[in-house]
Structures are given as C-alpha cells and as structure tokens.
N, C-alpha and C. Protein backbone atom coordinates (compact mmCIF):
# COMPACT_ATOMS: atom_id res chain seq x y z
N UNK A 1 11.27 -15.33 -0.85
CA UNK A 1 10.06 -15.12 0.03
C UNK A 1 9.85 -13.69 0.24
N UNK A 2 8.87 -13.02 0.06
CA UNK A 2 8.62 -11.53 0.48
C UNK A 2 7.68 -11.54 1.65
N UNK A 3 8.17 -11.03 2.71
CA UNK A 3 7.45 -10.75 3.73
C UNK A 3 6.75 -9.34 3.78
N UNK A 4 7.53 -8.42 3.59
CA UNK A 4 7.21 -6.89 3.58
C UNK A 4 7.41 -6.18 2.27
N UNK A 5 6.44 -5.46 1.94
CA UNK A 5 6.64 -4.84 0.55
C UNK A 5 6.23 -3.20 0.96
N UNK A 6 6.97 -2.42 0.22
CA UNK A 6 6.51 -1.08 0.03
C UNK A 6 6.22 -0.66 -1.24
N UNK A 7 5.02 -0.05 -1.53
CA UNK A 7 4.50 0.42 -2.86
C UNK A 7 4.25 1.77 -2.68
N UNK A 8 4.84 2.64 -3.52
CA UNK A 8 4.47 4.02 -3.75
C UNK A 8 3.44 4.30 -4.57
N UNK A 9 2.75 5.23 -4.52
CA UNK A 9 1.43 5.43 -5.42
C UNK A 9 0.47 4.38 -5.32
N UNK A 10 0.15 3.92 -3.97
CA UNK A 10 -0.60 2.75 -4.02
C UNK A 10 -2.01 2.94 -3.82
N UNK A 11 -2.38 4.23 -3.81
CA UNK A 11 -3.64 4.66 -3.51
C UNK A 11 -4.64 4.63 -4.90
N UNK A 12 -4.03 4.54 -6.13
CA UNK A 12 -4.58 4.18 -7.43
C UNK A 12 -3.96 3.63 -8.42
N UNK A 13 -4.60 3.12 -9.44
CA UNK A 13 -3.91 2.69 -10.62
C UNK A 13 -3.15 1.45 -10.40
N UNK A 14 -2.03 1.44 -10.88
CA UNK A 14 -0.97 0.44 -10.91
C UNK A 14 -0.82 -0.02 -9.53
N UNK A 15 -0.40 0.95 -8.87
CA UNK A 15 0.14 0.93 -7.66
C UNK A 15 -1.00 -0.01 -6.54
N UNK A 16 -2.09 0.43 -6.69
CA UNK A 16 -3.36 -0.27 -6.08
C UNK A 16 -3.54 -1.51 -6.68
N UNK A 17 -3.38 -1.65 -7.69
CA UNK A 17 -3.49 -3.01 -8.20
C UNK A 17 -2.44 -4.09 -8.03
N UNK A 18 -1.28 -3.52 -7.83
CA UNK A 18 -0.02 -4.22 -7.26
C UNK A 18 -0.29 -4.70 -6.01
N UNK A 19 -0.91 -3.75 -5.05
CA UNK A 19 -0.79 -4.07 -3.78
C UNK A 19 -1.87 -5.28 -3.70
N UNK A 20 -3.01 -5.06 -4.61
CA UNK A 20 -4.03 -6.24 -4.33
C UNK A 20 -3.49 -7.76 -4.77
N UNK A 21 -2.69 -7.60 -6.04
CA UNK A 21 -2.28 -8.90 -6.21
C UNK A 21 -1.08 -9.45 -5.40
N UNK A 22 -0.18 -8.55 -5.07
CA UNK A 22 0.93 -8.90 -4.14
C UNK A 22 0.06 -9.49 -2.74
N UNK A 23 -0.91 -9.00 -2.31
CA UNK A 23 -1.51 -9.57 -1.03
C UNK A 23 -2.00 -11.05 -1.21
N UNK A 24 -2.14 -11.23 -2.30
CA UNK A 24 -2.71 -12.77 -2.54
C UNK A 24 -1.56 -13.65 -2.72
N UNK A 25 -0.44 -13.27 -2.71
CA UNK A 25 0.83 -14.15 -2.77
C UNK A 25 1.37 -14.64 -1.49
N UNK A 26 1.45 -16.23 -1.38
CA UNK A 26 2.07 -16.71 -0.15
C UNK A 26 3.33 -15.95 0.28
N UNK A 27 3.31 -15.84 1.68
CA UNK A 27 4.51 -15.30 2.22
C UNK A 27 4.47 -13.79 2.48
N UNK A 28 3.51 -13.09 2.01
CA UNK A 28 3.46 -11.78 2.12
C UNK A 28 2.82 -11.53 3.34
N UNK A 29 3.46 -10.71 4.22
CA UNK A 29 2.65 -10.33 5.66
C UNK A 29 2.28 -9.06 5.83
N UNK A 30 2.96 -8.17 5.09
CA UNK A 30 2.60 -6.79 5.33
C UNK A 30 2.99 -6.05 4.16
N UNK A 31 1.95 -4.97 3.56
CA UNK A 31 2.25 -4.13 2.47
C UNK A 31 1.94 -2.81 3.01
N UNK A 32 3.05 -2.00 2.85
CA UNK A 32 2.96 -0.66 3.05
C UNK A 32 2.47 0.20 1.92
N UNK A 33 1.25 0.96 2.21
CA UNK A 33 0.85 1.83 1.03
C UNK A 33 1.44 3.20 1.06
N UNK A 34 2.47 3.54 0.21
CA UNK A 34 3.03 4.79 0.28
C UNK A 34 2.26 5.75 -0.54
N UNK A 35 1.51 6.77 0.23
CA UNK A 35 0.71 7.69 -0.61
C UNK A 35 0.91 9.09 -0.15
N UNK A 36 0.82 10.18 -1.03
CA UNK A 36 0.75 11.49 -0.77
C UNK A 36 -0.28 11.88 -0.02
N UNK A 37 -1.45 11.47 -0.28
CA UNK A 37 -2.86 11.82 0.24
C UNK A 37 -3.38 10.74 1.15
N UNK A 38 -3.41 11.17 2.45
CA UNK A 38 -3.68 10.15 3.43
C UNK A 38 -5.05 9.87 3.41
N UNK A 39 -6.02 10.75 2.98
CA UNK A 39 -7.32 10.57 3.01
C UNK A 39 -7.62 9.46 1.89
N UNK A 40 -7.12 9.66 0.60
CA UNK A 40 -7.21 8.68 -0.49
C UNK A 40 -6.55 7.24 -0.08
N UNK A 41 -5.54 7.33 0.62
CA UNK A 41 -4.87 6.23 1.07
C UNK A 41 -5.85 5.45 1.83
N UNK A 42 -6.44 6.00 2.93
CA UNK A 42 -7.30 5.23 3.89
C UNK A 42 -8.38 4.84 2.93
N UNK A 43 -8.98 5.26 2.03
CA UNK A 43 -10.15 4.82 1.34
C UNK A 43 -9.43 3.58 0.44
N UNK A 44 -8.33 3.60 -0.07
CA UNK A 44 -7.66 2.62 -0.98
C UNK A 44 -7.54 1.46 -0.01
N UNK A 45 -6.90 1.59 1.40
CA UNK A 45 -6.84 0.50 2.35
C UNK A 45 -8.10 -0.14 2.49
N UNK A 46 -9.13 0.59 2.80
CA UNK A 46 -10.45 -0.11 3.05
C UNK A 46 -10.72 -0.86 1.89
N UNK A 47 -10.64 -0.46 0.63
CA UNK A 47 -11.14 -1.20 -0.55
C UNK A 47 -10.20 -2.38 -0.59
N UNK A 48 -8.95 -2.30 -0.36
CA UNK A 48 -7.98 -3.54 -0.61
C UNK A 48 -8.34 -4.43 0.49
N UNK A 49 -8.61 -4.07 1.74
CA UNK A 49 -8.92 -5.02 2.93
C UNK A 49 -10.34 -5.68 2.29
N UNK A 50 -11.23 -5.06 1.80
CA UNK A 50 -12.44 -5.83 1.57
C UNK A 50 -12.07 -6.78 0.70
N UNK A 51 -11.35 -6.21 -0.45
CA UNK A 51 -11.48 -7.16 -1.69
C UNK A 51 -10.47 -8.46 -1.38
N UNK A 52 -9.37 -8.27 -0.58
CA UNK A 52 -8.53 -9.44 -0.22
C UNK A 52 -8.87 -10.23 0.92
N UNK A 53 -9.73 -9.58 1.76
CA UNK A 53 -10.07 -10.42 2.88
C UNK A 53 -8.89 -10.36 3.99
N UNK A 54 -7.96 -9.58 3.85
CA UNK A 54 -6.84 -9.47 4.99
C UNK A 54 -6.64 -8.18 5.42
N UNK A 55 -6.04 -7.83 6.43
CA UNK A 55 -5.76 -6.61 7.32
C UNK A 55 -4.13 -6.40 7.42
N UNK A 56 -3.55 -6.59 6.18
CA UNK A 56 -2.09 -6.55 6.22
C UNK A 56 -1.54 -5.19 5.71
N UNK A 57 -2.36 -4.21 5.34
CA UNK A 57 -2.07 -2.95 4.76
C UNK A 57 -1.79 -1.93 5.98
N UNK A 58 -0.73 -1.07 5.64
CA UNK A 58 -0.30 0.06 6.47
C UNK A 58 -0.13 1.08 5.61
N UNK A 59 -0.69 2.36 6.05
CA UNK A 59 -0.37 3.58 5.38
C UNK A 59 0.75 4.35 5.72
N UNK A 60 1.69 4.70 4.86
CA UNK A 60 2.90 5.55 4.93
C UNK A 60 2.58 6.76 4.05
N UNK A 61 2.51 7.81 4.87
CA UNK A 61 2.49 9.18 4.02
C UNK A 61 3.97 9.57 3.61
N UNK A 62 3.99 9.42 2.27
CA UNK A 62 5.37 9.72 1.53
C UNK A 62 5.13 10.34 0.33
N UNK A 63 6.16 11.40 0.06
CA UNK A 63 5.91 11.92 -1.31
C UNK A 63 7.41 11.80 -2.03
N UNK A 64 7.64 11.12 -2.63
CA UNK A 64 9.14 10.77 -3.28
C UNK A 64 9.70 12.17 -3.66
N UNK A 65 8.87 13.10 -4.18
CA UNK A 65 9.66 14.55 -4.55
C UNK A 65 9.88 15.51 -3.38
N UNK A 66 9.48 15.07 -2.19
CA UNK A 66 9.96 15.67 -0.84
C UNK A 66 10.78 14.87 -0.03
N UNK A 67 12.19 15.34 0.01
CA UNK A 67 12.94 14.48 0.68
C UNK A 67 12.71 14.41 2.13
N UNK A 68 12.23 15.21 2.90
CA UNK A 68 11.89 15.34 4.29
C UNK A 68 10.88 14.25 4.52
N UNK A 69 9.88 14.19 3.61
CA UNK A 69 8.86 12.93 3.64
C UNK A 69 9.41 11.61 3.45
N UNK A 70 10.36 11.51 2.75
CA UNK A 70 11.03 10.28 2.45
C UNK A 70 11.71 9.82 3.66
N UNK A 71 12.43 10.88 4.15
CA UNK A 71 13.43 10.36 5.56
C UNK A 71 12.26 9.94 6.69
C-alpha cells in the first residue's frame, strides 16, 4: 500500500504522467511534486487536480543537483 509518494521532475513529461496515474491508485493519499520551477509546478498541480478530480498534490521545490535544495 502506497500512501505518500514523491516524484521528482513532476511538472512535465513522465513525472507528470506518473503523478496522474499514481493518483488514481487505491491507497495513495498524497503525492509530492518535486520540481525546480515553482511556477511550472503550480500549473502542473492545477492541471493534475482537474484531471484526476482530487486535491492530493503538494509542491516541493527541489533540485537534485543542488544539495541544499535536497536537504
């Protein structure tokens, strides 16, 4: 059972599609959208919420190439 998921690069492409598909799975309660660009993440969050009809997404500003961001 997955309750909480973190997806990096979740504002576009495979990351965004993964977030959409995982949001439809039973047992998933929260999906963190890990993104470098907060504005793009807000747009992706809004689109995902509209497509899946759920408000389970939360934005995390994260850049895996920046250790301070990851901490």
